[in-house]
Amino acid sequence: IKDKKGVENIVADHLSRLNNPKVTAKEKTINAEFPDEQILAVSEIPWFGDIANFKSSGVVPEDFNYQ
């Protein structure tokens, strides 16, 4: 199928009008509850900000070590 400028695409219009019962059933049963929801916490300080600050300022943080 080639689309040409200024020409109506009949196939795309036809496909957009098809009904899919599985999709419409899912749309009706949207649940706002999240049973698998978990609370997460950061256990270590993110290192990316330290590296970005080092690269921009040139000042080495005290806790940097050579690994």
PDB file of N, CA and C in Angstrom:
ATOM      1  N   ILE A   1       0.859  -1.168   0.000  1.00  0.00           N
ATOM      2  CA  ILE A   1       0.000   0.000   0.000  1.00  0.00           C
ATOM      3  C   ILE A   1       0.901   1.225   0.000  1.00  0.00           C
ATOM      4  N   LYS A   2       0.716   2.082  -0.970  1.00  0.00           N
ATOM      5  CA  LYS A   2       1.480   3.322  -1.038  1.00  0.00           C
ATOM      6  C   LYS A   2       0.547   4.478  -0.777  1.00  0.00           C
ATOM      7  N   ASP A   3       0.954   5.327   0.133  1.00  0.00           N
ATOM      8  CA  ASP A   3       0.183   6.540   0.391  1.00  0.00           C
ATOM      9  C   ASP A   3       0.692   7.646  -0.510  1.00  0.00           C
ATOM     10  N   LYS A   4      -0.215   8.330  -1.132  1.00  0.00           N
ATOM     11  CA  LYS A   4       0.140   9.469  -1.965  1.00  0.00           C
ATOM     12  C   LYS A   4      -0.457  10.711  -1.337  1.00  0.00           C
ATOM     13  N   LYS A   5       0.263  11.786  -1.463  1.00  0.00           N
ATOM     14  CA  LYS A   5      -0.170  13.037  -0.865  1.00  0.00           C
ATOM     15  C   LYS A   5      -1.495  13.476  -1.485  1.00  0.00           C
ATOM     16  N   GLY A   6      -2.462  13.794  -0.624  1.00  0.00           N
ATOM     17  CA  GLY A   6      -3.752  14.271  -1.099  1.00  0.00           C
ATOM     18  C   GLY A   6      -4.736  13.173  -1.446  1.00  0.00           C
ATOM     19  N   VAL A   7      -4.350  11.901  -1.266  1.00  0.00           N
ATOM     20  CA  VAL A   7      -5.236  10.785  -1.597  1.00  0.00           C
ATOM     21  C   VAL A   7      -5.709  10.149  -0.291  1.00  0.00           C
ATOM     22  N   GLU A   8      -6.990   9.836  -0.214  1.00  0.00           N
ATOM     23  CA  GLU A   8      -7.548   9.223   0.983  1.00  0.00           C
ATOM     24  C   GLU A   8      -7.108   7.766   1.076  1.00  0.00           C
ATOM     25  N   ASN A   9      -6.682   7.334   2.261  1.00  0.00           N
ATOM     26  CA  ASN A   9      -6.249   5.960   2.474  1.00  0.00           C
ATOM     27  C   ASN A   9      -7.451   5.161   2.974  1.00  0.00           C
ATOM     28  N   ILE A  10      -8.089   4.429   2.086  1.00  0.00           N
ATOM     29  CA  ILE A  10      -9.310   3.683   2.401  1.00  0.00           C
ATOM     30  C   ILE A  10      -9.005   2.492   3.305  1.00  0.00           C
ATOM     31  N   VAL A  11      -7.860   1.843   3.111  1.00  0.00           N
ATOM     32  CA  VAL A  11      -7.505   0.664   3.901  1.00  0.00           C
ATOM     33  C   VAL A  11      -7.308   1.048   5.365  1.00  0.00           C
ATOM     34  N   ALA A  12      -6.594   2.112   5.639  1.00  0.00           N
ATOM     35  CA  ALA A  12      -6.360   2.535   7.018  1.00  0.00           C
ATOM     36  C   ALA A  12      -7.670   2.914   7.690  1.00  0.00           C
ATOM     37  N   ASP A  13      -8.553   3.560   6.969  1.00  0.00           N
ATOM     38  CA  ASP A  13      -9.848   3.928   7.528  1.00  0.00           C
ATOM     39  C   ASP A  13     -10.657   2.678   7.852  1.00  0.00           C
ATOM     40  N   HIS A  14     -10.599   1.671   6.992  1.00  0.00           N
ATOM     41  CA  HIS A  14     -11.329   0.423   7.211  1.00  0.00           C
ATOM     42  C   HIS A  14     -10.789  -0.308   8.447  1.00  0.00           C
ATOM     43  N   LEU A  15      -9.449  -0.366   8.596  1.00  0.00           N
ATOM     44  CA  LEU A  15      -8.855  -1.084   9.724  1.00  0.00           C
ATOM     45  C   LEU A  15      -9.162  -0.406  11.053  1.00  0.00           C
ATOM     46  N   SER A  16      -9.288   0.900  11.056  1.00  0.00           N
ATOM     47  CA  SER A  16      -9.560   1.597  12.307  1.00  0.00           C
ATOM     48  C   SER A  16     -10.987   1.371  12.788  1.00  0.00           C
ATOM     49  N   ARG A  17     -11.857   0.893  11.943  1.00  0.00           N
ATOM     50  CA  ARG A  17     -13.253   0.669  12.321  1.00  0.00           C
ATOM     51  C   ARG A  17     -13.541  -0.765  12.760  1.00  0.00           C
ATOM     52  N   LEU A  18     -12.561  -1.667  12.660  1.00  0.00           N
ATOM     53  CA  LEU A  18     -12.775  -3.058  13.055  1.00  0.00           C
ATOM     54  C   LEU A  18     -12.910  -3.163  14.568  1.00  0.00           C
ATOM     55  N   ASN A  19     -13.795  -4.031  15.017  1.00  0.00           N
ATOM     56  CA  ASN A  19     -13.986  -4.275  16.445  1.00  0.00           C
ATOM     57  C   ASN A  19     -13.262  -5.543  16.845  1.00  0.00           C
ATOM     58  N   ASN A  20     -12.499  -5.473  17.916  1.00  0.00           N
ATOM     59  CA  ASN A  20     -11.821  -6.635  18.462  1.00  0.00           C
ATOM     60  C   ASN A  20     -12.393  -6.864  19.856  1.00  0.00           C
ATOM     61  N   PRO A  21     -13.171  -7.942  20.069  1.00  0.00           N
ATOM     62  CA  PRO A  21     -13.819  -8.159  21.368  1.00  0.00           C
ATOM     63  C   PRO A  21     -12.826  -8.314  22.519  1.00  0.00           C
ATOM     64  N   LYS A  22     -11.637  -8.850  22.261  1.00  0.00           N
ATOM     65  CA  LYS A  22     -10.648  -9.007  23.331  1.00  0.00           C
ATOM     66  C   LYS A  22     -10.153  -7.646  23.814  1.00  0.00           C
ATOM     67  N   VAL A  23      -9.945  -6.738  22.888  1.00  0.00           N
ATOM     68  CA  VAL A  23      -9.458  -5.410  23.261  1.00  0.00           C
ATOM     69  C   VAL A  23     -10.537  -4.637  23.996  1.00  0.00           C
ATOM     70  N   THR A  24     -11.753  -4.691  23.521  1.00  0.00           N
ATOM     71  CA  THR A  24     -12.827  -3.949  24.184  1.00  0.00           C
ATOM     72  C   THR A  24     -13.132  -4.535  25.559  1.00  0.00           C
ATOM     73  N   ALA A  25     -12.972  -5.851  25.736  1.00  0.00           N
ATOM     74  CA  ALA A  25     -13.191  -6.464  27.053  1.00  0.00           C
ATOM     75  C   ALA A  25     -12.117  -6.008  28.036  1.00  0.00           C
ATOM     76  N   LYS A  26     -10.872  -5.890  27.575  1.00  0.00           N
ATOM     77  CA  LYS A  26      -9.792  -5.423  28.445  1.00  0.00           C
ATOM     78  C   LYS A  26      -9.990  -3.967  28.833  1.00  0.00           C
ATOM     79  N   GLU A  27     -10.494  -3.167  27.911  1.00  0.00           N
ATOM     80  CA  GLU A  27     -10.711  -1.751  28.197  1.00  0.00           C
ATOM     81  C   GLU A  27     -11.781  -1.565  29.271  1.00  0.00           C
ATOM     82  N   LYS A  28     -12.743  -2.454  29.323  1.00  0.00           N
ATOM     83  CA  LYS A  28     -13.817  -2.340  30.304  1.00  0.00           C
ATOM     84  C   LYS A  28     -13.382  -2.797  31.692  1.00  0.00           C
ATOM     85  N   THR A  29     -12.361  -3.659  31.773  1.00  0.00           N
ATOM     86  CA  THR A  29     -11.961  -4.233  33.059  1.00  0.00           C
ATOM     87  C   THR A  29     -10.630  -3.669  33.557  1.00  0.00           C
ATOM     88  N   ILE A  30     -10.404  -2.391  33.391  1.00  0.00           N
ATOM     89  CA  ILE A  30      -9.177  -1.781  33.896  1.00  0.00           C
ATOM     90  C   ILE A  30      -9.282  -1.676  35.410  1.00  0.00           C
ATOM     91  N   ASN A  31      -8.284  -2.212  36.083  1.00  0.00           N
ATOM     92  CA  ASN A  31      -8.262  -2.238  37.541  1.00  0.00           C
ATOM     93  C   ASN A  31      -7.242  -1.216  38.037  1.00  0.00           C
ATOM     94  N   ALA A  32      -7.640  -0.359  38.945  1.00  0.00           N
ATOM     95  CA  ALA A  32      -6.754   0.684  39.462  1.00  0.00           C
ATOM     96  C   ALA A  32      -5.927   0.205  40.650  1.00  0.00           C
ATOM     97  N   GLU A  33      -6.092  -1.026  41.078  1.00  0.00           N
ATOM     98  CA  GLU A  33      -5.320  -1.561  42.198  1.00  0.00           C
ATOM     99  C   GLU A  33      -4.059  -2.242  41.673  1.00  0.00           C
ATOM    100  N   PHE A  34      -2.999  -2.193  42.471  1.00  0.00           N
ATOM    101  CA  PHE A  34      -1.740  -2.807  42.092  1.00  0.00           C
ATOM    102  C   PHE A  34      -1.344  -3.815  43.165  1.00  0.00           C
ATOM    103  N   PRO A  35      -1.744  -5.079  43.047  1.00  0.00           N
ATOM    104  CA  PRO A  35      -1.466  -6.062  44.100  1.00  0.00           C
ATOM    105  C   PRO A  35       0.023  -6.382  44.249  1.00  0.00           C
ATOM    106  N   ASP A  36       0.817  -6.197  43.200  1.00  0.00           N
ATOM    107  CA  ASP A  36       2.245  -6.502  43.272  1.00  0.00           C
ATOM    108  C   ASP A  36       3.086  -5.264  43.581  1.00  0.00           C
ATOM    109  N   GLU A  37       2.443  -4.208  44.037  1.00  0.00           N
ATOM    110  CA  GLU A  37       3.159  -2.966  44.314  1.00  0.00           C
ATOM    111  C   GLU A  37       4.101  -3.159  45.501  1.00  0.00           C
ATOM    112  N   GLN A  38       5.317  -2.664  45.359  1.00  0.00           N
ATOM    113  CA  GLN A  38       6.312  -2.786  46.416  1.00  0.00           C
ATOM    114  C   GLN A  38       6.977  -1.435  46.634  1.00  0.00           C
ATOM    115  N   ILE A  39       7.442  -1.222  47.844  1.00  0.00           N
ATOM    116  CA  ILE A  39       8.181  -0.010  48.161  1.00  0.00           C
ATOM    117  C   ILE A  39       9.665  -0.329  48.048  1.00  0.00           C
ATOM    118  N   LEU A  40      10.369   0.471  47.280  1.00  0.00           N
ATOM    119  CA  LEU A  40      11.795   0.256  47.084  1.00  0.00           C
ATOM    120  C   LEU A  40      12.571   1.397  47.730  1.00  0.00           C
ATOM    121  N   ALA A  41      13.762   1.087  48.200  1.00  0.00           N
ATOM    122  CA  ALA A  41      14.619   2.097  48.815  1.00  0.00           C
ATOM    123  C   ALA A  41      16.025   1.983  48.238  1.00  0.00           C
ATOM    124  N   VAL A  42      16.732   3.088  48.215  1.00  0.00           N
ATOM    125  CA  VAL A  42      18.111   3.104  47.740  1.00  0.00           C
ATOM    126  C   VAL A  42      19.013   2.749  48.913  1.00  0.00           C
ATOM    127  N   SER A  43      19.831   1.718  48.740  1.00  0.00           N
ATOM    128  CA  SER A  43      20.696   1.279  49.830  1.00  0.00           C
ATOM    129  C   SER A  43      22.103   1.858  49.723  1.00  0.00           C
ATOM    130  N   GLU A  44      22.474   2.386  48.557  1.00  0.00           N
ATOM    131  CA  GLU A  44      23.781   2.999  48.375  1.00  0.00           C
ATOM    132  C   GLU A  44      23.604   4.374  47.750  1.00  0.00           C
ATOM    133  N   ILE A  45      24.534   5.247  48.027  1.00  0.00           N
ATOM    134  CA  ILE A  45      24.473   6.583  47.445  1.00  0.00           C
ATOM    135  C   ILE A  45      24.792   6.476  45.954  1.00  0.00           C
ATOM    136  N   PRO A  46      23.993   7.089  45.093  1.00  0.00           N
ATOM    137  CA  PRO A  46      24.275   7.028  43.659  1.00  0.00           C
ATOM    138  C   PRO A  46      25.626   7.673  43.336  1.00  0.00           C
ATOM    139  N   TRP A  47      26.411   7.014  42.515  1.00  0.00           N
ATOM    140  CA  TRP A  47      27.753   7.478  42.199  1.00  0.00           C
ATOM    141  C   TRP A  47      27.791   8.337  40.950  1.00  0.00           C
ATOM    142  N   PHE A  48      26.757   8.315  40.149  1.00  0.00           N
ATOM    143  CA  PHE A  48      26.787   9.041  38.886  1.00  0.00           C
ATOM    144  C   PHE A  48      26.947  10.546  39.107  1.00  0.00           C
ATOM    145  N   GLY A  49      26.241  11.085  40.101  1.00  0.00           N
ATOM    146  CA  GLY A  49      26.338  12.516  40.391  1.00  0.00           C
ATOM    147  C   GLY A  49      27.742  12.911  40.799  1.00  0.00           C
ATOM    148  N   ASP A  50      28.422  12.054  41.577  1.00  0.00           N
ATOM    149  CA  ASP A  50      29.798  12.333  41.990  1.00  0.00           C
ATOM    150  C   ASP A  50      30.731  12.395  40.784  1.00  0.00           C
ATOM    151  N   ILE A  51      30.561  11.462  39.859  1.00  0.00           N
ATOM    152  CA  ILE A  51      31.414  11.449  38.670  1.00  0.00           C
ATOM    153  C   ILE A  51      31.127  12.659  37.791  1.00  0.00           C
ATOM    154  N   ALA A  52      29.853  13.015  37.644  1.00  0.00           N
ATOM    155  CA  ALA A  52      29.503  14.187  36.839  1.00  0.00           C
ATOM    156  C   ALA A  52      30.082  15.454  37.460  1.00  0.00           C
ATOM    157  N   ASN A  53      29.997  15.584  38.782  1.00  0.00           N
ATOM    158  CA  ASN A  53      30.577  16.748  39.459  1.00  0.00           C
ATOM    159  C   ASN A  53      32.096  16.776  39.305  1.00  0.00           C
ATOM    160  N   PHE A  54      32.739  15.616  39.393  1.00  0.00           N
ATOM    161  CA  PHE A  54      34.192  15.540  39.228  1.00  0.00           C
ATOM    162  C   PHE A  54      34.597  15.969  37.823  1.00  0.00           C
ATOM    163  N   LYS A  55      33.867  15.489  36.820  1.00  0.00           N
ATOM    164  CA  LYS A  55      34.218  15.814  35.436  1.00  0.00           C
ATOM    165  C   LYS A  55      33.998  17.291  35.137  1.00  0.00           C
ATOM    166  N   SER A  56      32.993  17.898  35.762  1.00  0.00           N
ATOM    167  CA  SER A  56      32.720  19.305  35.473  1.00  0.00           C
ATOM    168  C   SER A  56      33.630  20.250  36.259  1.00  0.00           C
ATOM    169  N   SER A  57      33.977  19.881  37.509  1.00  0.00           N
ATOM    170  CA  SER A  57      34.760  20.800  38.340  1.00  0.00           C
ATOM    171  C   SER A  57      36.233  20.420  38.446  1.00  0.00           C
ATOM    172  N   GLY A  58      36.542  19.143  38.269  1.00  0.00           N
ATOM    173  CA  GLY A  58      37.923  18.687  38.405  1.00  0.00           C
ATOM    174  C   GLY A  58      38.334  18.431  39.845  1.00  0.00           C
ATOM    175  N   VAL A  59      37.422  18.587  40.797  1.00  0.00           N
ATOM    176  CA  VAL A  59      37.720  18.354  42.214  1.00  0.00           C
ATOM    177  C   VAL A  59      37.380  16.902  42.551  1.00  0.00           C
ATOM    178  N   VAL A  60      38.371  16.168  43.072  1.00  0.00           N
ATOM    179  CA  VAL A  60      38.173  14.758  43.404  1.00  0.00           C
ATOM    180  C   VAL A  60      37.493  14.661  44.766  1.00  0.00           C
ATOM    181  N   PRO A  61      36.350  13.961  44.865  1.00  0.00           N
ATOM    182  CA  PRO A  61      35.698  13.771  46.166  1.00  0.00           C
ATOM    183  C   PRO A  61      36.588  12.971  47.118  1.00  0.00           C
ATOM    184  N   GLU A  62      36.414  13.188  48.414  1.00  0.00           N
ATOM    185  CA  GLU A  62      37.249  12.533  49.425  1.00  0.00           C
ATOM    186  C   GLU A  62      37.099  11.016  49.421  1.00  0.00           C
ATOM    187  N   ASP A  63      35.902  10.523  49.122  1.00  0.00           N
ATOM    188  CA  ASP A  63      35.665   9.081  49.212  1.00  0.00           C
ATOM    189  C   ASP A  63      35.993   8.330  47.923  1.00  0.00           C
ATOM    190  N   PHE A  64      36.560   8.999  46.921  1.00  0.00           N
ATOM    191  CA  PHE A  64      36.967   8.298  45.695  1.00  0.00           C
ATOM    192  C   PHE A  64      38.221   7.480  45.983  1.00  0.00           C
ATOM    193  N   ASN A  65      38.265   6.268  45.447  1.00  0.00           N
ATOM    194  CA  ASN A  65      39.468   5.456  45.553  1.00  0.00           C
ATOM    195  C   ASN A  65      39.741   4.825  44.191  1.00  0.00           C
ATOM    196  N   TYR A  66      40.955   4.349  43.997  1.00  0.00           N
ATOM    197  CA  TYR A  66      41.339   3.741  42.728  1.00  0.00           C
ATOM    198  C   TYR A  66      41.118   2.242  42.823  1.00  0.00           C
ATOM    199  N   GLN A  67      40.264   1.723  41.989  1.00  0.00           N
ATOM    200  CA  GLN A  67      39.967   0.290  42.029  1.00  0.00           C
ATOM    201  C   GLN A  67      40.476  -0.369  40.784  1.00  0.00           C
TER     202      GLN A  67
END
